[in-house]
Protein backbone atom coordinates (compact mmCIF):
# COMPACT_ATOMS: atom_id res chain seq x y z
CA MET A 1 211.00 25.15 -204.30
CA ALA A 2 208.63 24.78 -207.24
CA PRO A 3 205.77 27.35 -207.33
CA ARG A 4 203.04 24.70 -207.00
CA HIS A 5 204.82 23.04 -204.11
CA GLN A 6 205.41 26.39 -202.38
CA GLN A 7 201.77 27.38 -202.85
CA ALA A 8 200.57 24.09 -201.34
CA VAL A 9 202.84 24.60 -198.33
CA GLU A 10 201.66 28.20 -197.85
CA VAL A 11 198.00 27.12 -198.00
CA ALA A 12 198.66 24.34 -195.50
CA ILE A 13 200.40 26.71 -193.08
CA GLN A 14 197.51 29.19 -193.33
CA GLN A 15 194.96 26.41 -192.67
CA PHE A 16 197.08 25.23 -189.75
CA ARG A 17 197.22 28.70 -188.18
CA GLU A 18 193.46 29.25 -188.58
CA ARG A 19 192.64 25.86 -187.01
CA VAL A 20 195.06 26.35 -184.12
CA LYS A 21 193.59 29.78 -183.39
CA TYR A 22 190.04 28.39 -183.55
CA THR A 23 190.94 25.49 -181.26
CA ASN A 24 192.73 27.73 -178.76
CA ASP A 25 189.87 30.26 -178.78
CA LEU A 26 187.36 27.51 -177.93
CA HIS A 27 189.53 25.65 -175.45
CA PRO A 28 192.53 27.63 -174.18
CA GLU A 29 195.23 25.19 -173.13
CA VAL A 30 197.71 25.86 -170.34
CA ASP A 31 199.59 22.55 -170.50
CA GLU A 32 202.51 23.34 -172.84
CA LYS A 33 203.02 19.71 -173.87
CA LYS A 34 199.35 19.19 -174.69
CA LEU A 35 199.29 22.52 -176.54
CA PHE A 36 202.31 21.53 -178.64
CA TYR A 37 200.88 18.14 -179.57
CA SER A 38 197.49 19.63 -180.35
CA SER A 39 199.21 22.00 -182.79
CA TYR A 40 201.39 19.19 -184.15
CA CYS A 41 198.37 16.96 -184.82
CA ILE A 42 196.61 19.85 -186.54
CA ALA A 43 199.73 20.43 -188.67
CA ARG A 44 199.71 16.77 -189.67
CA LEU A 45 196.03 16.99 -190.57
CA TYR A 46 196.52 19.97 -192.90
CA ARG A 47 199.78 18.89 -194.52
CA PRO A 48 199.94 18.96 -198.31
CA ASP A 49 199.66 15.67 -200.18
CA LYS A 50 202.87 13.59 -200.04
CA HIS A 51 204.37 15.87 -197.37
CA LEU A 52 205.35 15.34 -193.75
CA VAL A 53 205.82 17.68 -190.80
CA CYS A 54 209.25 17.79 -189.18
CA HIS A 55 208.58 17.11 -185.50
CA LEU A 56 211.92 18.52 -184.36
CA CYS A 57 211.61 21.73 -186.39
CA MET A 58 208.10 22.25 -185.07
CA MET A 59 209.36 21.84 -181.51
CA LEU A 60 211.70 24.77 -182.21
CA ASN A 61 208.99 26.87 -183.87
CA PRO A 62 205.50 25.58 -182.93
CA SER A 63 203.66 28.35 -184.77
CA SER A 64 205.05 27.44 -188.19
CA PRO A 65 205.24 23.78 -189.19
CA MET A 66 208.07 22.71 -191.49
CA TYR A 67 206.37 20.81 -194.31
CA MET A 68 208.58 18.83 -196.65
CA LYS A 69 208.14 16.26 -199.35
CA GLN A 70 208.30 12.71 -198.07
CA THR A 71 211.29 12.08 -200.30
CA GLU A 72 213.25 14.88 -198.55
CA VAL A 73 212.75 13.79 -194.93
CA ALA A 74 215.78 11.50 -194.57
CA ARG A 75 218.15 14.10 -196.03
CA HIS A 76 216.62 16.89 -193.92
CA CYS A 77 217.04 14.89 -190.71
CA ARG A 78 220.57 13.88 -191.59
CA LEU A 79 221.58 17.51 -192.24
CA GLN A 80 219.47 19.42 -189.71
CA HIS A 81 219.07 16.94 -186.86
CA PRO A 82 222.13 14.64 -186.83
CA HIS A 83 221.79 14.04 -183.07
CA ALA A 84 218.23 12.77 -183.40
CA THR A 85 219.00 9.06 -183.32
CA LEU A 86 215.82 7.66 -181.76
CA GLN A 87 212.95 6.75 -184.05
CA CYS A 88 209.26 6.22 -183.37
CA ASP A 89 208.37 2.55 -182.87
CA TYR A 90 205.11 2.73 -184.80
CA SER A 91 205.13 1.37 -188.34
CA ASN A 92 205.14 3.94 -191.13
CA CYS A 93 206.17 6.71 -188.72
CA ARG A 94 209.51 8.31 -189.57
CA VAL A 95 209.66 10.80 -186.70
CA LYS A 96 213.03 11.07 -184.99
CA PHE A 97 213.88 12.27 -181.49
CA MET A 98 216.87 13.31 -179.47
CA PHE A 99 215.51 12.17 -176.07
CA PRO A 100 213.50 9.17 -174.90
CA GLU A 101 210.93 11.49 -173.22
CA GLU A 102 210.19 13.15 -176.57
CA LYS A 103 209.65 9.76 -178.17
CA GLN A 104 207.36 8.65 -175.36
CA ASP A 105 205.30 11.86 -175.54
CA HIS A 106 205.01 11.62 -179.33
CA GLN A 107 203.87 8.02 -179.22
CA TYR A 108 201.24 8.82 -176.58
CA TYR A 109 199.77 11.99 -178.13
CA VAL A 110 200.04 10.98 -181.79
CA HIS A 111 199.55 7.20 -181.82
CA GLU A 112 197.90 6.10 -178.57
CA LYS A 113 195.32 8.78 -177.83
CA THR A 114 192.05 8.60 -179.75
CA TYR A 115 192.37 10.17 -183.19
CA GLY A 116 190.92 13.67 -183.13
CA TRP A 117 191.51 14.31 -179.40
CA TRP A 118 192.83 17.76 -180.40
CA ILE A 119 189.56 18.78 -182.11
CA PRO A 120 187.29 21.00 -180.00
CA ASN A 121 184.24 19.24 -178.54
CA ASN A 122 185.97 15.84 -178.54
């Protein structure tokens, strides 16, 4: 990974962790699904320019989003998540899933709920 790229990813992860802590301190969440998607939406918000968050990797490790360049997503999914054959129905969304329930949850929390629902005081 190039130094500039690595630095941008490290800054994004630090911002993500600070925002998640702040959000959880203000509004502790007990619903695991809502907690995950709150963190996922925060990770998307703080991603470096021209990067995406791997939804499946974040499901495995919710405290550390996997940021990757947009140009690397297809290869990453092919190599790391070959069984993820379902894709989000929303245009310009490349997220893949292994199960229909994951796809349905993603579409609801990321695309259908009001933008910013994860921000405290919303």
